[in-house]
Amino acid sequence: MMDNAERDSSPDDDASGFDPHNWPFFWMTQAVGRYLQRLETALKRVELDVSRWRVLMCLQQDRATSVSEIAELAIVKLPTMTKIVQRMQADGLVTCEARASDGRVTEVSLTKRGLEAKQNAWSIANKLYVQAFRDIGGDDKLRLNRLMEQIFGNLSDW
């Protein structure tokens, strides 16, 4: 077992001694991957998928959001997000309208059916959240959020 000094040190300049279990991005990827697998399975019960869930979680009840804003929040390329939103519109979950001040921008809003789907999806995602963080205290969750935000910012500068 490694001591804290070894575990916390920066990686070597070469990959010869690389152990993915000591690499924070390994665990970030593993945690997010498992979360998304479990979420995908659970969302099927309410006829949703992770892509639709991401869009639903980006939308507010009484506020239109542009497709590009949703794509940025969901970390999805704009053409892909456009297709997801079009499918959701065909499913009656959202409406799309050109922005009054700039017709090139498509704004997305929840329909009544979309709001119901969001509530169902949130119920599922929240249960999964509770399970994932069942042994982790509030201060640790706040610290994790701050660290992830800091890492995100650091990577924005690279």
N, C-alpha and C. Protein backbone atom coordinates (compact mmCIF):
# COMPACT_ATOMS: atom_id res chain seq x y z
N MET A 1 0.84 -1.19 0.00
CA MET A 1 0.00 0.00 0.00
C MET A 1 0.88 1.24 0.00
N MET A 2 0.50 2.23 -0.79
CA MET A 2 1.29 3.46 -0.90
C MET A 2 1.00 4.39 0.27
N ASP A 3 2.02 5.12 0.70
CA ASP A 3 1.75 6.14 1.71
C ASP A 3 1.25 7.41 1.03
N ASN A 4 0.77 8.36 1.83
CA ASN A 4 0.18 9.58 1.27
C ASN A 4 1.15 10.38 0.42
N ALA A 5 2.43 10.39 0.80
CA ALA A 5 3.41 11.16 0.03
C ALA A 5 3.53 10.61 -1.38
N GLU A 6 3.56 9.28 -1.50
CA GLU A 6 3.65 8.68 -2.83
C GLU A 6 2.36 8.90 -3.62
N ARG A 7 1.24 8.73 -2.97
CA ARG A 7 -0.05 8.85 -3.64
C ARG A 7 -0.31 10.27 -4.12
N ASP A 8 0.15 11.26 -3.36
CA ASP A 8 -0.13 12.65 -3.69
C ASP A 8 0.91 13.28 -4.60
N SER A 9 1.97 12.57 -4.91
CA SER A 9 3.02 13.17 -5.73
C SER A 9 2.58 13.29 -7.18
N SER A 10 3.23 14.18 -7.88
CA SER A 10 2.95 14.35 -9.30
C SER A 10 3.46 13.14 -10.05
N PRO A 11 2.85 12.84 -11.19
CA PRO A 11 3.31 11.68 -11.96
C PRO A 11 4.70 11.92 -12.53
N ASP A 12 5.37 10.81 -12.80
CA ASP A 12 6.69 10.89 -13.42
C ASP A 12 6.58 11.49 -14.81
N ASP A 13 7.72 11.91 -15.33
CA ASP A 13 7.75 12.47 -16.69
C ASP A 13 7.50 11.40 -17.75
N ASP A 14 7.72 10.14 -17.40
CA ASP A 14 7.43 9.07 -18.36
C ASP A 14 6.36 8.15 -17.76
N ALA A 15 5.86 7.27 -18.57
CA ALA A 15 4.74 6.42 -18.16
C ALA A 15 5.18 5.07 -17.61
N SER A 16 6.47 4.86 -17.43
CA SER A 16 6.95 3.53 -17.05
C SER A 16 6.37 3.04 -15.73
N GLY A 17 6.15 3.92 -14.78
CA GLY A 17 5.61 3.50 -13.49
C GLY A 17 4.16 3.86 -13.29
N PHE A 18 3.48 4.17 -14.37
CA PHE A 18 2.10 4.64 -14.26
C PHE A 18 1.17 3.55 -13.73
N ASP A 19 0.40 3.89 -12.72
CA ASP A 19 -0.64 3.01 -12.18
C ASP A 19 -1.95 3.80 -12.22
N PRO A 20 -2.90 3.38 -13.04
CA PRO A 20 -4.13 4.16 -13.17
C PRO A 20 -4.89 4.32 -11.85
N HIS A 21 -4.71 3.41 -10.92
CA HIS A 21 -5.42 3.49 -9.64
C HIS A 21 -4.92 4.64 -8.77
N ASN A 22 -3.79 5.21 -9.12
CA ASN A 22 -3.26 6.36 -8.40
C ASN A 22 -3.44 7.66 -9.18
N TRP A 23 -4.23 7.62 -10.21
CA TRP A 23 -4.45 8.75 -11.11
C TRP A 23 -5.86 9.27 -10.88
N PRO A 24 -6.03 10.50 -10.41
CA PRO A 24 -7.38 11.00 -10.11
C PRO A 24 -8.35 10.93 -11.29
N PHE A 25 -7.86 11.15 -12.49
CA PHE A 25 -8.76 11.11 -13.64
C PHE A 25 -9.30 9.70 -13.88
N PHE A 26 -8.55 8.68 -13.49
CA PHE A 26 -9.05 7.31 -13.57
C PHE A 26 -10.31 7.18 -12.72
N TRP A 27 -10.22 7.64 -11.47
CA TRP A 27 -11.36 7.50 -10.57
C TRP A 27 -12.52 8.42 -10.96
N MET A 28 -12.22 9.60 -11.48
CA MET A 28 -13.29 10.47 -11.97
C MET A 28 -14.05 9.78 -13.09
N THR A 29 -13.30 9.23 -14.02
CA THR A 29 -13.90 8.56 -15.17
C THR A 29 -14.68 7.32 -14.74
N GLN A 30 -14.10 6.55 -13.82
CA GLN A 30 -14.79 5.35 -13.33
C GLN A 30 -16.10 5.72 -12.64
N ALA A 31 -16.06 6.74 -11.78
CA ALA A 31 -17.26 7.14 -11.04
C ALA A 31 -18.33 7.66 -11.99
N VAL A 32 -17.96 8.53 -12.92
CA VAL A 32 -18.94 9.08 -13.86
C VAL A 32 -19.47 7.98 -14.77
N GLY A 33 -18.59 7.09 -15.22
CA GLY A 33 -19.03 5.98 -16.07
C GLY A 33 -20.05 5.09 -15.38
N ARG A 34 -19.76 4.73 -14.13
CA ARG A 34 -20.70 3.88 -13.40
C ARG A 34 -22.01 4.62 -13.15
N TYR A 35 -21.91 5.89 -12.79
CA TYR A 35 -23.10 6.71 -12.56
C TYR A 35 -23.98 6.72 -13.81
N LEU A 36 -23.38 6.98 -14.96
CA LEU A 36 -24.15 7.05 -16.20
C LEU A 36 -24.74 5.70 -16.59
N GLN A 37 -24.01 4.61 -16.33
CA GLN A 37 -24.56 3.27 -16.60
C GLN A 37 -25.81 3.03 -15.76
N ARG A 38 -25.72 3.32 -14.47
CA ARG A 38 -26.86 3.11 -13.57
C ARG A 38 -28.02 4.04 -13.94
N LEU A 39 -27.68 5.27 -14.27
CA LEU A 39 -28.71 6.24 -14.63
C LEU A 39 -29.43 5.81 -15.91
N GLU A 40 -28.67 5.38 -16.90
CA GLU A 40 -29.26 4.94 -18.17
C GLU A 40 -30.25 3.81 -17.94
N THR A 41 -29.86 2.83 -17.14
CA THR A 41 -30.74 1.70 -16.85
C THR A 41 -32.02 2.17 -16.16
N ALA A 42 -31.88 3.03 -15.17
CA ALA A 42 -33.04 3.50 -14.40
C ALA A 42 -33.95 4.39 -15.25
N LEU A 43 -33.37 5.21 -16.11
CA LEU A 43 -34.18 6.13 -16.93
C LEU A 43 -35.03 5.38 -17.96
N LYS A 44 -34.60 4.21 -18.36
CA LYS A 44 -35.37 3.43 -19.34
C LYS A 44 -36.77 3.14 -18.81
N ARG A 45 -36.90 3.05 -17.48
CA ARG A 45 -38.21 2.77 -16.87
C ARG A 45 -39.22 3.89 -17.14
N VAL A 46 -38.72 5.10 -17.38
CA VAL A 46 -39.61 6.23 -17.67
C VAL A 46 -39.43 6.71 -19.11
N GLU A 47 -38.92 5.83 -19.95
CA GLU A 47 -38.76 6.07 -21.38
C GLU A 47 -37.90 7.28 -21.70
N LEU A 48 -36.82 7.43 -20.93
CA LEU A 48 -35.83 8.48 -21.18
C LEU A 48 -34.46 7.85 -21.32
N ASP A 49 -33.51 8.65 -21.76
CA ASP A 49 -32.12 8.23 -21.81
C ASP A 49 -31.27 9.36 -21.23
N VAL A 50 -29.97 9.12 -21.13
CA VAL A 50 -29.08 10.10 -20.51
C VAL A 50 -29.05 11.40 -21.31
N SER A 51 -29.08 11.32 -22.62
CA SER A 51 -29.06 12.53 -23.45
C SER A 51 -30.27 13.41 -23.15
N ARG A 52 -31.44 12.81 -23.12
CA ARG A 52 -32.65 13.58 -22.81
C ARG A 52 -32.62 14.10 -21.38
N TRP A 53 -32.12 13.28 -20.46
CA TRP A 53 -31.99 13.69 -19.06
C TRP A 53 -31.12 14.93 -18.95
N ARG A 54 -29.99 14.94 -19.66
CA ARG A 54 -29.10 16.11 -19.61
C ARG A 54 -29.83 17.37 -20.06
N VAL A 55 -30.57 17.26 -21.14
CA VAL A 55 -31.31 18.42 -21.64
C VAL A 55 -32.36 18.85 -20.63
N LEU A 56 -33.12 17.90 -20.12
CA LEU A 56 -34.16 18.24 -19.15
C LEU A 56 -33.59 18.95 -17.93
N MET A 57 -32.43 18.51 -17.46
CA MET A 57 -31.83 19.11 -16.28
C MET A 57 -31.26 20.51 -16.56
N CYS A 58 -31.00 20.81 -17.83
CA CYS A 58 -30.50 22.13 -18.20
C CYS A 58 -31.62 23.16 -18.36
N LEU A 59 -32.84 22.69 -18.48
CA LEU A 59 -33.97 23.59 -18.73
C LEU A 59 -34.70 23.94 -17.45
N GLN A 60 -35.11 25.20 -17.36
CA GLN A 60 -35.92 25.69 -16.24
C GLN A 60 -37.37 25.81 -16.70
N GLN A 61 -38.28 25.72 -15.77
CA GLN A 61 -39.71 25.69 -16.09
C GLN A 61 -40.17 26.91 -16.88
N ASP A 62 -39.78 28.09 -16.47
CA ASP A 62 -40.30 29.30 -17.09
C ASP A 62 -39.23 30.11 -17.81
N ARG A 63 -38.21 29.44 -18.30
CA ARG A 63 -37.11 30.16 -18.94
C ARG A 63 -36.64 29.37 -20.16
N ALA A 64 -36.63 30.03 -21.31
CA ALA A 64 -36.11 29.41 -22.52
C ALA A 64 -34.58 29.42 -22.47
N THR A 65 -33.98 28.38 -23.02
CA THR A 65 -32.53 28.25 -23.05
C THR A 65 -32.12 27.91 -24.47
N SER A 66 -31.06 28.55 -24.96
CA SER A 66 -30.63 28.30 -26.34
C SER A 66 -30.01 26.91 -26.46
N VAL A 67 -30.10 26.36 -27.65
CA VAL A 67 -29.50 25.05 -27.91
C VAL A 67 -28.00 25.09 -27.62
N SER A 68 -27.35 26.19 -27.97
CA SER A 68 -25.90 26.28 -27.73
C SER A 68 -25.59 26.32 -26.23
N GLU A 69 -26.43 26.98 -25.43
CA GLU A 69 -26.22 26.98 -23.97
C GLU A 69 -26.38 25.57 -23.41
N ILE A 70 -27.40 24.86 -23.88
CA ILE A 70 -27.62 23.49 -23.42
C ILE A 70 -26.44 22.62 -23.80
N ALA A 71 -25.96 22.76 -25.03
CA ALA A 71 -24.81 21.98 -25.49
C ALA A 71 -23.59 22.23 -24.61
N GLU A 72 -23.36 23.48 -24.27
CA GLU A 72 -22.21 23.82 -23.42
C GLU A 72 -22.36 23.22 -22.03
N LEU A 73 -23.53 23.35 -21.44
CA LEU A 73 -23.76 22.80 -20.10
C LEU A 73 -23.65 21.28 -20.08
N ALA A 74 -24.14 20.64 -21.13
CA ALA A 74 -24.17 19.18 -21.19
C ALA A 74 -22.89 18.59 -21.77
N ILE A 75 -21.97 19.44 -22.19
CA ILE A 75 -20.71 19.02 -22.81
C ILE A 75 -20.97 18.10 -24.00
N VAL A 76 -21.77 18.62 -24.92
CA VAL A 76 -22.14 17.91 -26.13
C VAL A 76 -21.93 18.86 -27.30
N LYS A 77 -21.43 18.35 -28.42
CA LYS A 77 -21.23 19.19 -29.60
C LYS A 77 -22.58 19.71 -30.09
N LEU A 78 -22.56 20.93 -30.60
CA LEU A 78 -23.79 21.61 -31.01
C LEU A 78 -24.62 20.80 -32.02
N PRO A 79 -24.02 20.23 -33.08
CA PRO A 79 -24.85 19.45 -34.01
C PRO A 79 -25.54 18.25 -33.34
N THR A 80 -24.83 17.61 -32.42
CA THR A 80 -25.41 16.49 -31.69
C THR A 80 -26.55 16.96 -30.81
N MET A 81 -26.34 18.08 -30.11
CA MET A 81 -27.39 18.61 -29.24
C MET A 81 -28.61 19.02 -30.06
N THR A 82 -28.38 19.59 -31.22
CA THR A 82 -29.50 19.98 -32.09
C THR A 82 -30.36 18.76 -32.41
N LYS A 83 -29.73 17.64 -32.72
CA LYS A 83 -30.48 16.41 -33.03
C LYS A 83 -31.24 15.89 -31.81
N ILE A 84 -30.61 15.95 -30.64
CA ILE A 84 -31.27 15.51 -29.41
C ILE A 84 -32.51 16.36 -29.16
N VAL A 85 -32.36 17.68 -29.27
CA VAL A 85 -33.48 18.59 -29.04
C VAL A 85 -34.59 18.34 -30.07
N GLN A 86 -34.23 18.10 -31.31
CA GLN A 86 -35.24 17.82 -32.33
C GLN A 86 -36.03 16.55 -31.99
N ARG A 87 -35.33 15.52 -31.49
CA ARG A 87 -36.02 14.29 -31.08
C ARG A 87 -36.95 14.56 -29.90
N MET A 88 -36.48 15.39 -28.97
CA MET A 88 -37.30 15.72 -27.81
C MET A 88 -38.52 16.55 -28.21
N GLN A 89 -38.35 17.39 -29.21
CA GLN A 89 -39.48 18.17 -29.71
C GLN A 89 -40.51 17.22 -30.35
N ALA A 90 -40.03 16.26 -31.12
CA ALA A 90 -40.93 15.27 -31.73
C ALA A 90 -41.65 14.44 -30.67
N ASP A 91 -41.00 14.23 -29.53
CA ASP A 91 -41.60 13.48 -28.41
C ASP A 91 -42.54 14.33 -27.57
N GLY A 92 -42.61 15.63 -27.86
CA GLY A 92 -43.49 16.52 -27.11
C GLY A 92 -42.93 16.96 -25.77
N LEU A 93 -41.63 16.83 -25.57
CA LEU A 93 -41.01 17.22 -24.30
C LEU A 93 -40.59 18.68 -24.27
N VAL A 94 -40.29 19.24 -25.44
CA VAL A 94 -39.84 20.63 -25.53
C VAL A 94 -40.48 21.30 -26.74
N THR A 95 -40.46 22.62 -26.71
CA THR A 95 -40.80 23.42 -27.88
C THR A 95 -39.56 24.22 -28.27
N CYS A 96 -39.47 24.56 -29.53
CA CYS A 96 -38.34 25.33 -30.03
C CYS A 96 -38.87 26.54 -30.80
N GLU A 97 -38.25 27.68 -30.53
CA GLU A 97 -38.61 28.91 -31.23
C GLU A 97 -37.36 29.72 -31.49
N ALA A 98 -37.38 30.48 -32.58
CA ALA A 98 -36.28 31.40 -32.85
C ALA A 98 -36.31 32.52 -31.82
N ARG A 99 -35.15 32.93 -31.36
CA ARG A 99 -35.06 34.05 -30.41
C ARG A 99 -35.53 35.31 -31.11
N ALA A 100 -36.37 36.08 -30.44
CA ALA A 100 -36.94 37.30 -31.03
C ALA A 100 -35.85 38.29 -31.43
N SER A 101 -34.81 38.42 -30.61
CA SER A 101 -33.76 39.41 -30.88
C SER A 101 -32.72 38.91 -31.88
N ASP A 102 -32.69 37.60 -32.13
CA ASP A 102 -31.71 37.03 -33.06
C ASP A 102 -32.27 35.71 -33.58
N GLY A 103 -32.85 35.75 -34.74
CA GLY A 103 -33.50 34.59 -35.33
C GLY A 103 -32.59 33.41 -35.58
N ARG A 104 -31.28 33.62 -35.52
CA ARG A 104 -30.34 32.51 -35.73
C ARG A 104 -30.25 31.60 -34.51
N VAL A 105 -30.72 32.10 -33.37
CA VAL A 105 -30.63 31.36 -32.12
C VAL A 105 -31.95 30.64 -31.85
N THR A 106 -31.87 29.33 -31.63
CA THR A 106 -33.05 28.55 -31.29
C THR A 106 -33.14 28.41 -29.78
N GLU A 107 -34.29 28.80 -29.24
CA GLU A 107 -34.51 28.69 -27.81
C GLU A 107 -35.44 27.51 -27.52
N VAL A 108 -35.11 26.79 -26.47
CA VAL A 108 -35.81 25.57 -26.10
C VAL A 108 -36.54 25.80 -24.78
N SER A 109 -37.78 25.35 -24.72
CA SER A 109 -38.58 25.46 -23.50
C SER A 109 -39.24 24.11 -23.20
N LEU A 110 -39.46 23.86 -21.92
CA LEU A 110 -40.15 22.65 -21.50
C LEU A 110 -41.64 22.75 -21.80
N THR A 111 -42.23 21.67 -22.26
CA THR A 111 -43.68 21.56 -22.34
C THR A 111 -44.17 21.00 -21.01
N LYS A 112 -45.48 20.90 -20.85
CA LYS A 112 -46.03 20.28 -19.64
C LYS A 112 -45.52 18.84 -19.53
N ARG A 113 -45.54 18.15 -20.64
CA ARG A 113 -45.03 16.76 -20.66
C ARG A 113 -43.54 16.73 -20.33
N GLY A 114 -42.79 17.71 -20.83
CA GLY A 114 -41.37 17.79 -20.53
C GLY A 114 -41.10 18.05 -19.05
N LEU A 115 -41.92 18.89 -18.45
CA LEU A 115 -41.78 19.17 -17.02
C LEU A 115 -42.05 17.91 -16.20
N GLU A 116 -43.07 17.16 -16.60
CA GLU A 116 -43.37 15.89 -15.92
C GLU A 116 -42.21 14.91 -16.08
N ALA A 117 -41.65 14.85 -17.28
CA ALA A 117 -40.50 13.97 -17.53
C ALA A 117 -39.31 14.40 -16.69
N LYS A 118 -39.11 15.71 -16.57
CA LYS A 118 -38.01 16.23 -15.75
C LYS A 118 -38.19 15.80 -14.29
N GLN A 119 -39.40 15.91 -13.78
CA GLN A 119 -39.67 15.51 -12.40
C GLN A 119 -39.40 14.02 -12.21
N ASN A 120 -39.85 13.19 -13.14
CA ASN A 120 -39.60 11.75 -13.07
C ASN A 120 -38.11 11.44 -13.13
N ALA A 121 -37.42 12.11 -14.04
CA ALA A 121 -35.98 11.90 -14.19
C ALA A 121 -35.24 12.35 -12.95
N TRP A 122 -35.67 13.48 -12.39
CA TRP A 122 -35.01 13.99 -11.18
C TRP A 122 -35.19 13.01 -10.02
N SER A 123 -36.36 12.45 -9.88
CA SER A 123 -36.62 11.49 -8.82
C SER A 123 -35.65 10.31 -8.92
N ILE A 124 -35.45 9.83 -10.11
CA ILE A 124 -34.51 8.72 -10.35
C ILE A 124 -33.08 9.16 -10.07
N ALA A 125 -32.68 10.28 -10.64
CA ALA A 125 -31.30 10.76 -10.47
C ALA A 125 -31.00 11.07 -9.01
N ASN A 126 -31.97 11.60 -8.29
CA ASN A 126 -31.76 11.93 -6.89
C ASN A 126 -31.56 10.68 -6.04
N LYS A 127 -32.30 9.62 -6.32
CA LYS A 127 -32.11 8.35 -5.61
C LYS A 127 -30.70 7.81 -5.86
N LEU A 128 -30.25 7.92 -7.09
CA LEU A 128 -28.90 7.47 -7.42
C LEU A 128 -27.86 8.33 -6.72
N TYR A 129 -28.09 9.63 -6.65
CA TYR A 129 -27.21 10.56 -5.94
C TYR A 129 -27.10 10.17 -4.47
N VAL A 130 -28.24 9.93 -3.85
CA VAL A 130 -28.25 9.54 -2.43
C VAL A 130 -27.44 8.27 -2.23
N GLN A 131 -27.61 7.30 -3.12
CA GLN A 131 -26.84 6.05 -3.03
C GLN A 131 -25.35 6.32 -3.20
N ALA A 132 -24.99 7.11 -4.18
CA ALA A 132 -23.58 7.38 -4.47
C ALA A 132 -22.89 8.09 -3.31
N PHE A 133 -23.60 8.96 -2.62
CA PHE A 133 -23.00 9.77 -1.56
C PHE A 133 -23.46 9.35 -0.16
N ARG A 134 -23.91 8.13 -0.02
CA ARG A 134 -24.52 7.68 1.24
C ARG A 134 -23.58 7.76 2.44
N ASP A 135 -22.31 7.57 2.25
CA ASP A 135 -21.34 7.60 3.36
C ASP A 135 -20.47 8.86 3.34
N ILE A 136 -20.87 9.84 2.58
CA ILE A 136 -20.06 11.05 2.41
C ILE A 136 -20.83 12.23 2.99
N GLY A 137 -20.20 12.92 3.91
CA GLY A 137 -20.85 14.04 4.59
C GLY A 137 -20.98 15.27 3.73
N GLY A 138 -21.80 16.19 4.20
CA GLY A 138 -22.07 17.43 3.46
C GLY A 138 -20.82 18.25 3.21
N ASP A 139 -19.94 18.36 4.21
CA ASP A 139 -18.71 19.13 4.02
C ASP A 139 -17.83 18.51 2.95
N ASP A 140 -17.77 17.17 2.92
CA ASP A 140 -16.97 16.49 1.90
C ASP A 140 -17.57 16.69 0.51
N LYS A 141 -18.89 16.69 0.41
CA LYS A 141 -19.53 16.94 -0.89
C LYS A 141 -19.24 18.35 -1.38
N LEU A 142 -19.31 19.32 -0.47
CA LEU A 142 -18.98 20.70 -0.84
C LEU A 142 -17.52 20.80 -1.27
N ARG A 143 -16.64 20.15 -0.53
CA ARG A 143 -15.20 20.16 -0.87
C ARG A 143 -14.98 19.52 -2.24
N LEU A 144 -15.63 18.40 -2.49
CA LEU A 144 -15.50 17.74 -3.79
C LEU A 144 -15.97 18.66 -4.91
N ASN A 145 -17.09 19.32 -4.73
CA ASN A 145 -17.58 20.26 -5.74
C ASN A 145 -16.58 21.38 -5.98
N ARG A 146 -16.03 21.93 -4.91
CA ARG A 146 -15.04 23.01 -5.07
C ARG A 146 -13.79 22.51 -5.79
N LEU A 147 -13.31 21.33 -5.43
CA LEU A 147 -12.13 20.77 -6.10
C LEU A 147 -12.40 20.53 -7.58
N MET A 148 -13.55 19.96 -7.90
CA MET A 148 -13.88 19.69 -9.30
C MET A 148 -14.00 20.99 -10.09
N GLU A 149 -14.59 21.99 -9.48
CA GLU A 149 -14.69 23.30 -10.14
C GLU A 149 -13.30 23.89 -10.37
N GLN A 150 -12.42 23.73 -9.40
CA GLN A 150 -11.05 24.24 -9.53
C GLN A 150 -10.30 23.50 -10.64
N ILE A 151 -10.44 22.18 -10.68
CA ILE A 151 -9.79 21.40 -11.74
C ILE A 151 -10.34 21.81 -13.10
N PHE A 152 -11.65 21.98 -13.19
CA PHE A 152 -12.28 22.43 -14.43
C PHE A 152 -11.69 23.76 -14.87
N GLY A 153 -11.55 24.69 -13.94
CA GLY A 153 -10.95 25.99 -14.25
C GLY A 153 -9.51 25.87 -14.69
N ASN A 154 -8.75 25.02 -13.99
CA ASN A 154 -7.35 24.82 -14.36
C ASN A 154 -7.23 24.29 -15.78
N LEU A 155 -8.11 23.39 -16.16
CA LEU A 155 -8.06 22.82 -17.51
C LEU A 155 -8.52 23.83 -18.56
N SER A 156 -9.32 24.79 -18.16
CA SER A 156 -9.75 25.84 -19.09
C SER A 156 -8.57 26.71 -19.50
N ASP A 157 -7.59 26.82 -18.61
CA ASP A 157 -6.41 27.65 -18.88
C ASP A 157 -5.37 26.94 -19.74
N TRP A 158 -5.50 25.66 -19.98
CA TRP A 158 -4.47 24.88 -20.66
C TRP A 158 -4.58 24.95 -22.15
